[in-house]
Structures are given as structure tokens and as C-alpha cells.
Amino acid sequence: APIDIWYDADFKNLFLKIIREAKEVGGTYIAWDEVLKRVEAKEAWPGKWVHLYLSLAILSKKYKLRL
């Protein structure tokens, strides 16, 4: 999917919301603050690495995994 083309302010805000929710669950393995900073700092698609963190954030929230 051409996510880099579809990525806009709404998509970015959705990503940030999901990552913030994962941060609320907590954990020690992932530096959610750093992930947030990197996504917030970019106006364009932040890159492939964000898929991994987004997937982990969704799993963290859904299953209350402390990552």
C-alpha cells in the first residue's frame, strides 16, 4: 500500500493516539517517548520502522502487554 502517499495529518494523529495509548499501558522494553518524538518530528511518512512500533502498540493496548 502506498502509505507514504496516504500519510497525512489525520493518519499521523491516529498513529500518535495509538502510540500514546500503548505508553499508558507501560513497560520497559520500548522507549515510547522516543517513538512519539520521532513520529511527531516528521511531517512526511516517518519510514518503515514505524510499522513495527505501531503493531506493538496495538498489541500492547489490546492485550495489556507491558512492552
PDB file of N, CA and C in Angstrom:
ATOM      1  N   ALA A   1       0.846  -1.183   0.000  1.00  0.00           N
ATOM      2  CA  ALA A   1       0.000   0.000   0.000  1.00  0.00           C
ATOM      3  C   ALA A   1       0.889   1.242   0.000  1.00  0.00           C
ATOM      4  N   PRO A   2       0.507   2.255  -0.717  1.00  0.00           N
ATOM      5  CA  PRO A   2       1.323   3.485  -0.773  1.00  0.00           C
ATOM      6  C   PRO A   2       1.076   4.393   0.433  1.00  0.00           C
ATOM      7  N   ILE A   3       1.430   3.880   1.608  1.00  0.00           N
ATOM      8  CA  ILE A   3       1.162   4.628   2.830  1.00  0.00           C
ATOM      9  C   ILE A   3       1.877   5.974   2.826  1.00  0.00           C
ATOM     10  N   ASP A   4       3.065   6.027   2.266  1.00  0.00           N
ATOM     11  CA  ASP A   4       3.790   7.299   2.240  1.00  0.00           C
ATOM     12  C   ASP A   4       3.015   8.367   1.467  1.00  0.00           C
ATOM     13  N   ILE A   5       2.166   7.960   0.539  1.00  0.00           N
ATOM     14  CA  ILE A   5       1.330   8.905  -0.209  1.00  0.00           C
ATOM     15  C   ILE A   5       0.071   9.234   0.597  1.00  0.00           C
ATOM     16  N   TRP A   6      -0.491   8.241   1.279  1.00  0.00           N
ATOM     17  CA  TRP A   6      -1.724   8.440   2.046  1.00  0.00           C
ATOM     18  C   TRP A   6      -1.498   9.161   3.361  1.00  0.00           C
ATOM     19  N   TYR A   7      -0.267   9.130   3.847  1.00  0.00           N
ATOM     20  CA  TYR A   7       0.045   9.701   5.156  1.00  0.00           C
ATOM     21  C   TYR A   7      -0.249  11.193   5.169  1.00  0.00           C
ATOM     22  N   ASP A   8      -1.152  11.591   6.054  1.00  0.00           N
ATOM     23  CA  ASP A   8      -1.495  12.999   6.207  1.00  0.00           C
ATOM     24  C   ASP A   8      -1.664  13.297   7.697  1.00  0.00           C
ATOM     25  N   ALA A   9      -2.135  14.482   8.027  1.00  0.00           N
ATOM     26  CA  ALA A   9      -2.259  14.873   9.431  1.00  0.00           C
ATOM     27  C   ALA A   9      -3.203  13.940  10.196  1.00  0.00           C
ATOM     28  N   ASP A  10      -4.289  13.521   9.572  1.00  0.00           N
ATOM     29  CA  ASP A  10      -5.231  12.621  10.248  1.00  0.00           C
ATOM     30  C   ASP A  10      -4.589  11.269  10.542  1.00  0.00           C
ATOM     31  N   PHE A  11      -3.876  10.733   9.564  1.00  0.00           N
ATOM     32  CA  PHE A  11      -3.197   9.445   9.729  1.00  0.00           C
ATOM     33  C   PHE A  11      -2.132   9.557  10.813  1.00  0.00           C
ATOM     34  N   LYS A  12      -1.388  10.644  10.775  1.00  0.00           N
ATOM     35  CA  LYS A  12      -0.341  10.870  11.773  1.00  0.00           C
ATOM     36  C   LYS A  12      -0.955  10.952  13.173  1.00  0.00           C
ATOM     37  N   ASN A  13      -2.050  11.672  13.312  1.00  0.00           N
ATOM     38  CA  ASN A  13      -2.709  11.795  14.614  1.00  0.00           C
ATOM     39  C   ASN A  13      -3.221  10.450  15.118  1.00  0.00           C
ATOM     40  N   LEU A  14      -3.697   9.614  14.210  1.00  0.00           N
ATOM     41  CA  LEU A  14      -4.128   8.271  14.588  1.00  0.00           C
ATOM     42  C   LEU A  14      -2.937   7.468  15.120  1.00  0.00           C
ATOM     43  N   PHE A  15      -1.818   7.520  14.409  1.00  0.00           N
ATOM     44  CA  PHE A  15      -0.605   6.830  14.862  1.00  0.00           C
ATOM     45  C   PHE A  15      -0.220   7.309  16.258  1.00  0.00           C
ATOM     46  N   LEU A  16      -0.191   8.624  16.445  1.00  0.00           N
ATOM     47  CA  LEU A  16       0.210   9.188  17.733  1.00  0.00           C
ATOM     48  C   LEU A  16      -0.742   8.766  18.847  1.00  0.00           C
ATOM     49  N   LYS A  17      -2.019   8.730  18.570  1.00  0.00           N
ATOM     50  CA  LYS A  17      -3.016   8.304  19.550  1.00  0.00           C
ATOM     51  C   LYS A  17      -2.766   6.863  19.986  1.00  0.00           C
ATOM     52  N   ILE A  18      -2.540   5.987  19.020  1.00  0.00           N
ATOM     53  CA  ILE A  18      -2.306   4.574  19.324  1.00  0.00           C
ATOM     54  C   ILE A  18      -1.024   4.400  20.139  1.00  0.00           C
ATOM     55  N   ILE A  19       0.015   5.132  19.770  1.00  0.00           N
ATOM     56  CA  ILE A  19       1.292   5.022  20.476  1.00  0.00           C
ATOM     57  C   ILE A  19       1.163   5.579  21.900  1.00  0.00           C
ATOM     58  N   ARG A  20       0.435   6.682  22.070  1.00  0.00           N
ATOM     59  CA  ARG A  20       0.229   7.235  23.415  1.00  0.00           C
ATOM     60  C   ARG A  20      -0.540   6.258  24.299  1.00  0.00           C
ATOM     61  N   GLU A  21      -1.516   5.581  23.727  1.00  0.00           N
ATOM     62  CA  GLU A  21      -2.276   4.590  24.495  1.00  0.00           C
ATOM     63  C   GLU A  21      -1.385   3.432  24.930  1.00  0.00           C
ATOM     64  N   ALA A  22      -0.471   3.022  24.074  1.00  0.00           N
ATOM     65  CA  ALA A  22       0.468   1.953  24.443  1.00  0.00           C
ATOM     66  C   ALA A  22       1.388   2.436  25.559  1.00  0.00           C
ATOM     67  N   LYS A  23       1.785   3.692  25.485  1.00  0.00           N
ATOM     68  CA  LYS A  23       2.645   4.262  26.522  1.00  0.00           C
ATOM     69  C   LYS A  23       1.948   4.229  27.879  1.00  0.00           C
ATOM     70  N   GLU A  24       0.635   4.463  27.892  1.00  0.00           N
ATOM     71  CA  GLU A  24      -0.136   4.436  29.137  1.00  0.00           C
ATOM     72  C   GLU A  24      -0.143   3.048  29.774  1.00  0.00           C
ATOM     73  N   VAL A  25      -0.103   2.003  28.933  1.00  0.00           N
ATOM     74  CA  VAL A  25      -0.052   0.636  29.455  1.00  0.00           C
ATOM     75  C   VAL A  25       1.264   0.424  30.189  1.00  0.00           C
ATOM     76  N   GLY A  26       2.317   1.054  29.686  1.00  0.00           N
ATOM     77  CA  GLY A  26       3.611   0.996  30.348  1.00  0.00           C
ATOM     78  C   GLY A  26       4.508  -0.105  29.819  1.00  0.00           C
ATOM     79  N   GLY A  27       5.598  -0.298  30.504  1.00  0.00           N
ATOM     80  CA  GLY A  27       6.572  -1.302  30.122  1.00  0.00           C
ATOM     81  C   GLY A  27       7.972  -0.735  30.120  1.00  0.00           C
ATOM     82  N   THR A  28       8.943  -1.624  29.940  1.00  0.00           N
ATOM     83  CA  THR A  28      10.342  -1.200  29.983  1.00  0.00           C
ATOM     84  C   THR A  28      11.121  -1.546  28.724  1.00  0.00           C
ATOM     85  N   TYR A  29      10.515  -2.241  27.794  1.00  0.00           N
ATOM     86  CA  TYR A  29      11.241  -2.706  26.615  1.00  0.00           C
ATOM     87  C   TYR A  29      11.280  -1.691  25.480  1.00  0.00           C
ATOM     88  N   ILE A  30      10.249  -0.887  25.366  1.00  0.00           N
ATOM     89  CA  ILE A  30      10.165   0.073  24.267  1.00  0.00           C
ATOM     90  C   ILE A  30      10.137   1.482  24.844  1.00  0.00           C
ATOM     91  N   ALA A  31      10.962   2.340  24.298  1.00  0.00           N
ATOM     92  CA  ALA A  31      11.000   3.747  24.716  1.00  0.00           C
ATOM     93  C   ALA A  31       9.915   4.501  23.944  1.00  0.00           C
ATOM     94  N   TRP A  32       8.678   4.408  24.437  1.00  0.00           N
ATOM     95  CA  TRP A  32       7.556   5.009  23.725  1.00  0.00           C
ATOM     96  C   TRP A  32       7.733   6.513  23.548  1.00  0.00           C
ATOM     97  N   ASP A  33       8.359   7.183  24.520  1.00  0.00           N
ATOM     98  CA  ASP A  33       8.599   8.623  24.378  1.00  0.00           C
ATOM     99  C   ASP A  33       9.456   8.913  23.149  1.00  0.00           C
ATOM    100  N   GLU A  34      10.438   8.084  22.922  1.00  0.00           N
ATOM    101  CA  GLU A  34      11.317   8.267  21.754  1.00  0.00           C
ATOM    102  C   GLU A  34      10.564   8.010  20.452  1.00  0.00           C
ATOM    103  N   VAL A  35       9.727   6.996  20.441  1.00  0.00           N
ATOM    104  CA  VAL A  35       8.917   6.710  19.252  1.00  0.00           C
ATOM    105  C   VAL A  35       8.000   7.898  18.976  1.00  0.00           C
ATOM    106  N   LEU A  36       7.356   8.407  20.013  1.00  0.00           N
ATOM    107  CA  LEU A  36       6.476   9.570  19.851  1.00  0.00           C
ATOM    108  C   LEU A  36       7.230  10.761  19.283  1.00  0.00           C
ATOM    109  N   LYS A  37       8.410  11.037  19.841  1.00  0.00           N
ATOM    110  CA  LYS A  37       9.208  12.176  19.356  1.00  0.00           C
ATOM    111  C   LYS A  37       9.535  12.043  17.883  1.00  0.00           C
ATOM    112  N   ARG A  38       9.918  10.843  17.469  1.00  0.00           N
ATOM    113  CA  ARG A  38      10.304  10.643  16.072  1.00  0.00           C
ATOM    114  C   ARG A  38       9.127  10.798  15.122  1.00  0.00           C
ATOM    115  N   VAL A  39       7.964  10.293  15.517  1.00  0.00           N
ATOM    116  CA  VAL A  39       6.778  10.432  14.666  1.00  0.00           C
ATOM    117  C   VAL A  39       6.327  11.896  14.648  1.00  0.00           C
ATOM    118  N   GLU A  40       6.320  12.541  15.808  1.00  0.00           N
ATOM    119  CA  GLU A  40       5.908  13.941  15.883  1.00  0.00           C
ATOM    120  C   GLU A  40       6.817  14.852  15.070  1.00  0.00           C
ATOM    121  N   ALA A  41       8.086  14.534  14.999  1.00  0.00           N
ATOM    122  CA  ALA A  41       9.070  15.389  14.329  1.00  0.00           C
ATOM    123  C   ALA A  41       8.957  15.380  12.813  1.00  0.00           C
ATOM    124  N   LYS A  42       8.308  14.383  12.263  1.00  0.00           N
ATOM    125  CA  LYS A  42       8.235  14.257  10.807  1.00  0.00           C
ATOM    126  C   LYS A  42       6.864  14.653  10.290  1.00  0.00           C
ATOM    127  N   GLU A  43       6.838  15.467   9.268  1.00  0.00           N
ATOM    128  CA  GLU A  43       5.578  15.803   8.611  1.00  0.00           C
ATOM    129  C   GLU A  43       5.227  14.745   7.563  1.00  0.00           C
ATOM    130  N   ALA A  44       6.255  14.160   6.987  1.00  0.00           N
ATOM    131  CA  ALA A  44       6.066  13.111   5.979  1.00  0.00           C
ATOM    132  C   ALA A  44       6.102  11.752   6.667  1.00  0.00           C
ATOM    133  N   TRP A  45       5.858  10.705   5.904  1.00  0.00           N
ATOM    134  CA  TRP A  45       5.871   9.337   6.419  1.00  0.00           C
ATOM    135  C   TRP A  45       7.189   9.091   7.138  1.00  0.00           C
ATOM    136  N   PRO A  46       7.153   8.673   8.429  1.00  0.00           N
ATOM    137  CA  PRO A  46       8.382   8.510   9.191  1.00  0.00           C
ATOM    138  C   PRO A  46       9.243   7.316   8.802  1.00  0.00           C
ATOM    139  N   GLY A  47       8.777   6.455   7.948  1.00  0.00           N
ATOM    140  CA  GLY A  47       9.592   5.333   7.487  1.00  0.00           C
ATOM    141  C   GLY A  47       9.042   3.988   7.913  1.00  0.00           C
ATOM    142  N   LYS A  48       9.663   2.955   7.376  1.00  0.00           N
ATOM    143  CA  LYS A  48       9.181   1.591   7.602  1.00  0.00           C
ATOM    144  C   LYS A  48       9.223   1.161   9.058  1.00  0.00           C
ATOM    145  N   TRP A  49      10.161   1.659   9.820  1.00  0.00           N
ATOM    146  CA  TRP A  49      10.321   1.248  11.211  1.00  0.00           C
ATOM    147  C   TRP A  49       9.053   1.490  12.013  1.00  0.00           C
ATOM    148  N   VAL A  50       8.266   2.498  11.633  1.00  0.00           N
ATOM    149  CA  VAL A  50       7.074   2.834  12.409  1.00  0.00           C
ATOM    150  C   VAL A  50       6.029   1.713  12.361  1.00  0.00           C
ATOM    151  N   HIS A  51       6.029   0.906  11.307  1.00  0.00           N
ATOM    152  CA  HIS A  51       5.083  -0.226  11.236  1.00  0.00           C
ATOM    153  C   HIS A  51       5.278  -1.174  12.418  1.00  0.00           C
ATOM    154  N   LEU A  52       6.509  -1.478  12.726  1.00  0.00           N
ATOM    155  CA  LEU A  52       6.813  -2.381  13.833  1.00  0.00           C
ATOM    156  C   LEU A  52       6.275  -1.819  15.141  1.00  0.00           C
ATOM    157  N   TYR A  53       6.578  -0.560  15.415  1.00  0.00           N
ATOM    158  CA  TYR A  53       6.145   0.037  16.665  1.00  0.00           C
ATOM    159  C   TYR A  53       4.638   0.208  16.726  1.00  0.00           C
ATOM    160  N   LEU A  54       4.013   0.516  15.605  1.00  0.00           N
ATOM    161  CA  LEU A  54       2.562   0.631  15.579  1.00  0.00           C
ATOM    162  C   LEU A  54       1.920  -0.719  15.882  1.00  0.00           C
ATOM    163  N   SER A  55       2.435  -1.778  15.299  1.00  0.00           N
ATOM    164  CA  SER A  55       1.915  -3.128  15.566  1.00  0.00           C
ATOM    165  C   SER A  55       2.080  -3.487  17.038  1.00  0.00           C
ATOM    166  N   LEU A  56       3.245  -3.189  17.605  1.00  0.00           N
ATOM    167  CA  LEU A  56       3.478  -3.471  19.020  1.00  0.00           C
ATOM    168  C   LEU A  56       2.563  -2.627  19.914  1.00  0.00           C
ATOM    169  N   ALA A  57       2.326  -1.385  19.524  1.00  0.00           N
ATOM    170  CA  ALA A  57       1.446  -0.513  20.302  1.00  0.00           C
ATOM    171  C   ALA A  57       0.018  -1.054  20.307  1.00  0.00           C
ATOM    172  N   ILE A  58      -0.444  -1.525  19.161  1.00  0.00           N
ATOM    173  CA  ILE A  58      -1.793  -2.089  19.072  1.00  0.00           C
ATOM    174  C   ILE A  58      -1.901  -3.342  19.936  1.00  0.00           C
ATOM    175  N   LEU A  59      -0.915  -4.221  19.850  1.00  0.00           N
ATOM    176  CA  LEU A  59      -0.918  -5.430  20.675  1.00  0.00           C
ATOM    177  C   LEU A  59      -0.844  -5.090  22.161  1.00  0.00           C
ATOM    178  N   SER A  60      -0.037  -4.105  22.495  1.00  0.00           N
ATOM    179  CA  SER A  60       0.118  -3.692  23.879  1.00  0.00           C
ATOM    180  C   SER A  60      -1.211  -3.236  24.461  1.00  0.00           C
ATOM    181  N   LYS A  61      -1.913  -2.402  23.702  1.00  0.00           N
ATOM    182  CA  LYS A  61      -3.193  -1.883  24.182  1.00  0.00           C
ATOM    183  C   LYS A  61      -4.242  -2.984  24.258  1.00  0.00           C
ATOM    184  N   LYS A  62      -4.353  -3.768  23.213  1.00  0.00           N
ATOM    185  CA  LYS A  62      -5.399  -4.791  23.148  1.00  0.00           C
ATOM    186  C   LYS A  62      -5.253  -5.841  24.241  1.00  0.00           C
ATOM    187  N   TYR A  63      -4.020  -6.291  24.458  1.00  0.00           N
ATOM    188  CA  TYR A  63      -3.791  -7.385  25.409  1.00  0.00           C
ATOM    189  C   TYR A  63      -3.142  -6.927  26.711  1.00  0.00           C
ATOM    190  N   LYS A  64      -3.054  -5.603  26.895  1.00  0.00           N
ATOM    191  CA  LYS A  64      -2.450  -5.033  28.111  1.00  0.00           C
ATOM    192  C   LYS A  64      -1.049  -5.573  28.348  1.00  0.00           C
ATOM    193  N   LEU A  65      -0.277  -5.668  27.252  1.00  0.00           N
ATOM    194  CA  LEU A  65       1.109  -6.124  27.342  1.00  0.00           C
ATOM    195  C   LEU A  65       1.986  -4.953  27.746  1.00  0.00           C
ATOM    196  N   ARG A  66       2.775  -5.137  28.736  1.00  0.00           N
ATOM    197  CA  ARG A  66       3.671  -4.084  29.193  1.00  0.00           C
ATOM    198  C   ARG A  66       4.988  -4.203  28.420  1.00  0.00           C
ATOM    199  N   LEU A  67       5.023  -3.511  27.290  1.00  0.00           N
ATOM    200  CA  LEU A  67       6.204  -3.562  26.439  1.00  0.00           C
ATOM    201  C   LEU A  67       7.084  -2.371  26.746  1.00  0.00           C
TER     202      LEU A  67
END
